[in-house]
C-alpha atoms as a PDB file:
ATOM      1  CA  MET A   1      81.268 -83.951  23.641  1.00  0.00           C
ATOM      2  CA  ARG A   2      81.681 -87.526  24.729  1.00  0.00           C
ATOM      3  CA  LEU A   3      83.399 -88.577  27.904  1.00  0.00           C
ATOM      4  CA  VAL A   4      85.232 -91.800  28.517  1.00  0.00           C
ATOM      5  CA  PRO A   5      83.175 -93.914  30.946  1.00  0.00           C
ATOM      6  CA  ASN A   6      84.252 -93.407  34.570  1.00  0.00           C
ATOM      7  CA  SER A   7      86.543 -90.525  33.575  1.00  0.00           C
ATOM      8  CA  ILE A   8      84.898 -88.253  36.138  1.00  0.00           C
ATOM      9  CA  ARG A   9      84.893 -89.468  39.704  1.00  0.00           C
ATOM     10  CA  MET A  10      84.604 -86.278  41.709  1.00  0.00           C
ATOM     11  CA  TRP A  11      82.453 -83.168  41.549  1.00  0.00           C
ATOM     12  CA  ALA A  12      85.540 -80.968  41.104  1.00  0.00           C
ATOM     13  CA  GLU A  13      86.503 -82.941  37.981  1.00  0.00           C
ATOM     14  CA  PHE A  14      82.997 -82.530  36.563  1.00  0.00           C
ATOM     15  CA  ARG A  15      83.098 -78.798  37.244  1.00  0.00           C
ATOM     16  CA  ILE A  16      86.390 -78.412  35.351  1.00  0.00           C
ATOM     17  CA  VAL A  17      85.143 -80.360  32.326  1.00  0.00           C
ATOM     18  CA  PHE A  18      81.826 -78.483  32.313  1.00  0.00           C
ATOM     19  CA  LEU A  19      83.424 -75.045  32.551  1.00  0.00           C
ATOM     20  CA  ASP A  20      85.997 -75.889  29.872  1.00  0.00           C
ATOM     21  CA  GLN A  21      83.173 -76.947  27.555  1.00  0.00           C
ATOM     22  CA  PHE A  22      80.719 -74.103  28.168  1.00  0.00           C
ATOM     23  CA  PHE A  23      83.000 -71.253  29.259  1.00  0.00           C
ATOM     24  CA  PRO A  24      85.876 -71.088  26.783  1.00  0.00           C
ATOM     25  CA  SER A  25      88.923 -69.092  27.810  1.00  0.00           C
ATOM     26  CA  THR A  26      87.971 -66.167  25.551  1.00  0.00           C
ATOM     27  CA  LYS A  27      84.600 -65.802  27.284  1.00  0.00           C
ATOM     28  CA  THR A  28      86.150 -66.175  30.733  1.00  0.00           C
ATOM     29  CA  SER A  29      88.827 -63.611  29.888  1.00  0.00           C
ATOM     30  CA  ALA A  30      86.268 -61.056  28.680  1.00  0.00           C
ATOM     31  CA  LEU A  31      84.071 -61.542  31.758  1.00  0.00           C
ATOM     32  CA  LYS A  32      87.033 -61.308  34.128  1.00  0.00           C
ATOM     33  CA  LYS A  33      88.163 -58.048  32.490  1.00  0.00           C
ATOM     34  CA  GLU A  34      84.670 -56.682  33.072  1.00  0.00           C
ATOM     35  CA  ILE A  35      84.858 -57.710  36.752  1.00  0.00           C
ATOM     36  CA  LEU A  36      88.262 -56.092  37.201  1.00  0.00           C
ATOM     37  CA  ARG A  37      87.147 -52.833  35.539  1.00  0.00           C
ATOM     38  CA  VAL A  38      83.804 -52.382  37.299  1.00  0.00           C
ATOM     39  CA  THR A  39      83.280 -49.019  38.977  1.00  0.00           C
ATOM     40  CA  GLN A  40      80.511 -47.523  41.051  1.00  0.00           C
ATOM     41  CA  ASP A  41      78.562 -44.791  39.273  1.00  0.00           C
ATOM     42  CA  TYR A  42      78.651 -41.441  41.075  1.00  0.00           C
ATOM     43  CA  ASP A  43      74.933 -41.634  41.905  1.00  0.00           C
ATOM     44  CA  GLU A  44      74.726 -45.405  42.437  1.00  0.00           C
ATOM     45  CA  PRO A  45      73.853 -46.572  45.951  1.00  0.00           C
ATOM     46  CA  LEU A  46      76.316 -48.963  47.577  1.00  0.00           C
ATOM     47  CA  SER A  47      73.751 -51.787  47.633  1.00  0.00           C
ATOM     48  CA  GLN A  48      73.120 -51.502  43.885  1.00  0.00           C
ATOM     49  CA  TYR A  49      76.841 -51.448  43.139  1.00  0.00           C
ATOM     50  CA  TRP A  50      77.300 -54.570  45.320  1.00  0.00           C
ATOM     51  CA  GLU A  51      74.451 -56.390  43.521  1.00  0.00           C
ATOM     52  CA  ARG A  52      75.862 -55.454  40.108  1.00  0.00           C
ATOM     53  CA  TYR A  53      79.305 -56.655  41.173  1.00  0.00           C
ATOM     54  CA  MET A  54      77.903 -59.947  42.493  1.00  0.00           C
ATOM     55  CA  ASP A  55      75.997 -60.432  39.223  1.00  0.00           C
ATOM     56  CA  LEU A  56      79.271 -60.074  37.310  1.00  0.00           C
ATOM     57  CA  LEU A  57      80.942 -62.664  39.541  1.00  0.00           C
ATOM     58  CA  ASP A  58      77.989 -65.037  39.099  1.00  0.00           C
ATOM     59  CA  ALA A  59      78.203 -64.638  35.312  1.00  0.00           C
ATOM     60  CA  CYS A  60      81.787 -65.930  35.412  1.00  0.00           C
ATOM     61  CA  PRO A  61      81.828 -69.024  37.644  1.00  0.00           C
ATOM     62  CA  ASN A  62      85.468 -69.761  36.819  1.00  0.00           C
ATOM     63  CA  HIS A  63      86.894 -66.322  37.617  1.00  0.00           C
ATOM     64  CA  HIS A  64      89.359 -67.955  40.062  1.00  0.00           C
ATOM     65  CA  MET A  65      89.468 -64.854  42.259  1.00  0.00           C
ATOM     66  CA  SER A  66      90.155 -65.319  45.951  1.00  0.00           C
ATOM     67  CA  GLU A  67      87.869 -63.644  48.483  1.00  0.00           C
ATOM     68  CA  ALA A  68      90.648 -61.137  49.167  1.00  0.00           C
ATOM     69  CA  GLU A  69      90.800 -60.236  45.453  1.00  0.00           C
ATOM     70  CA  ILE A  70      87.003 -59.972  45.291  1.00  0.00           C
ATOM     71  CA  TYR A  71      86.845 -57.477  48.164  1.00  0.00           C
ATOM     72  CA  SER A  72      89.903 -55.578  46.937  1.00  0.00           C
ATOM     73  CA  THR A  73      88.493 -55.205  43.415  1.00  0.00           C
ATOM     74  CA  PHE A  74      85.128 -54.130  44.812  1.00  0.00           C
ATOM     75  CA  TYR A  75      86.809 -51.495  46.996  1.00  0.00           C
ATOM     76  CA  GLU A  76      88.964 -50.202  44.123  1.00  0.00           C
ATOM     77  CA  GLY A  77      85.827 -49.640  42.037  1.00  0.00           C
ATOM     78  CA  MET A  78      84.019 -47.632  44.724  1.00  0.00           C
ATOM     79  CA  ASN A  79      83.467 -43.923  44.202  1.00  0.00           C
ATOM     80  CA  LYS A  80      85.272 -41.522  46.563  1.00  0.00           C
ATOM     81  CA  GLU A  81      82.345 -41.057  48.963  1.00  0.00           C
ATOM     82  CA  THR A  82      81.834 -44.798  49.378  1.00  0.00           C
ATOM     83  CA  LYS A  83      85.567 -45.382  49.871  1.00  0.00           C
ATOM     84  CA  ASP A  84      85.543 -42.734  52.599  1.00  0.00           C
ATOM     85  CA  LEU A  85      82.569 -44.464  54.230  1.00  0.00           C
ATOM     86  CA  ALA A  86      84.238 -47.896  54.023  1.00  0.00           C
ATOM     87  CA  ASN A  87      87.480 -46.532  55.453  1.00  0.00           C
ATOM     88  CA  SER A  88      85.807 -44.726  58.335  1.00  0.00           C
ATOM     89  CA  SER A  89      83.671 -47.799  59.108  1.00  0.00           C
ATOM     90  CA  SER A  90      86.776 -49.958  59.293  1.00  0.00           C
ATOM     91  CA  GLY A  91      88.845 -47.726  61.517  1.00  0.00           C
ATOM     92  CA  GLY A  92      90.682 -45.984  58.704  1.00  0.00           C
ATOM     93  CA  GLY A  93      91.879 -48.611  56.262  1.00  0.00           C
ATOM     94  CA  PHE A  94      89.421 -50.947  54.542  1.00  0.00           C
ATOM     95  CA  PRO A  95      92.043 -52.265  52.049  1.00  0.00           C
ATOM     96  CA  HIS A  96      94.216 -53.464  54.937  1.00  0.00           C
ATOM     97  CA  LEU A  97      91.520 -55.570  56.621  1.00  0.00           C
ATOM     98  CA  ARG A  98      91.578 -59.345  56.715  1.00  0.00           C
ATOM     99  CA  VAL A  99      88.884 -60.941  54.559  1.00  0.00           C
ATOM    100  CA  SER A 100      86.750 -61.870  57.577  1.00  0.00           C
ATOM    101  CA  GLU A 101      86.860 -58.261  58.829  1.00  0.00           C
ATOM    102  CA  ALA A 102      86.156 -56.870  55.345  1.00  0.00           C
ATOM    103  CA  LYS A 103      83.090 -59.138  55.093  1.00  0.00           C
ATOM    104  CA  ARG A 104      81.857 -57.970  58.478  1.00  0.00           C
ATOM    105  CA  VAL A 105      82.332 -54.267  57.683  1.00  0.00           C
ATOM    106  CA  MET A 106      80.761 -54.624  54.243  1.00  0.00           C
ATOM    107  CA  GLY A 107      77.828 -56.554  55.716  1.00  0.00           C
ATOM    108  CA  ARG A 108      77.205 -53.789  58.257  1.00  0.00           C
ATOM    109  CA  LEU A 109      77.485 -51.071  55.613  1.00  0.00           C
ATOM    110  CA  LEU A 110      75.138 -52.843  53.219  1.00  0.00           C
ATOM    111  CA  SER A 111      72.573 -53.454  55.958  1.00  0.00           C
ATOM    112  CA  ALA A 112      72.704 -49.839  57.086  1.00  0.00           C
ATOM    113  CA  LYS A 113      72.579 -48.418  53.563  1.00  0.00           C
ATOM    114  CA  ARG A 114      69.670 -50.660  52.534  1.00  0.00           C
ATOM    115  CA  ALA A 115      67.744 -49.499  55.584  1.00  0.00           C
ATOM    116  CA  TYR A 116      67.777 -45.869  54.506  1.00  0.00           C
ATOM    117  CA  ASP A 117      68.482 -45.904  50.747  1.00  0.00           C
ATOM    118  CA  ASN A 118      65.349 -44.634  49.075  1.00  0.00           C
ATOM    119  CA  PRO A 119      64.951 -45.801  45.461  1.00  0.00           C
ATOM    120  CA  ARG A 120      63.199 -42.507  44.689  1.00  0.00           C
ATOM    121  CA  ASP A 121      66.374 -40.634  45.616  1.00  0.00           C
ATOM    122  CA  CYS A 122      68.337 -42.407  42.885  1.00  0.00           C
ATOM    123  CA  HIS A 123      68.886 -40.373  39.768  1.00  0.00           C
ATOM    124  CA  VAL A 124      67.174 -41.611  36.621  1.00  0.00           C
ATOM    125  CA  ARG A 125      69.719 -42.544  33.984  1.00  0.00           C
ATOM    126  CA  ARG A 126      69.652 -40.496  30.790  1.00  0.00           C
ATOM    127  CA  GLY A 127      67.013 -41.752  28.393  1.00  0.00           C
ATOM    128  CA  ALA A 128      65.393 -43.938  31.031  1.00  0.00           C
ATOM    129  CA  ALA A 129      62.485 -41.677  32.000  1.00  0.00           C
ATOM    130  CA  SER A 130      59.125 -43.001  30.909  1.00  0.00           C
ATOM    131  CA  ALA A 131      56.139 -40.914  29.868  1.00  0.00           C
ATOM    132  CA  SER A 132      54.373 -41.747  33.134  1.00  0.00           C
ATOM    133  CA  THR A 133      57.348 -40.450  35.149  1.00  0.00           C
ATOM    134  CA  VAL A 134      57.305 -37.168  33.236  1.00  0.00           C
ATOM    135  CA  GLU A 135      53.520 -36.844  33.655  1.00  0.00           C
ATOM    136  CA  LYS A 136      53.781 -37.334  37.441  1.00  0.00           C
ATOM    137  CA  LYS A 137      56.392 -34.590  37.711  1.00  0.00           C
ATOM    138  CA  ASP A 138      54.207 -32.181  35.724  1.00  0.00           C
ATOM    139  CA  LYS A 139      51.230 -32.591  38.104  1.00  0.00           C
END
């Protein structure tokens, strides 16, 4: 790709040209569908779900989702227990919070959950157990 000299004067213009070149609409569309369909596994800790969700957003830099959409989509993908926790932590209605309040509540929840989430309590996914894990359980 060749650019006309002085055709880009601002960082925002460069970003648009770069994303158009390296993130075609088909790739962006597929990644955005994945973001919109993400759900929390029944045994997945909140902090892991959040990290996985953030990784999806990072993989699609031109998702064009507002912060409100980001928090709404994240909430919609939560399992029932986590939704109950988010709702009770926000006074009853997480989806109705302003973005700044949603960030604050989610920050508190993530901090609290990380403090007492024990990685050993997480269930091992099917087929993911190693021989050393099985040996330790047998002893």
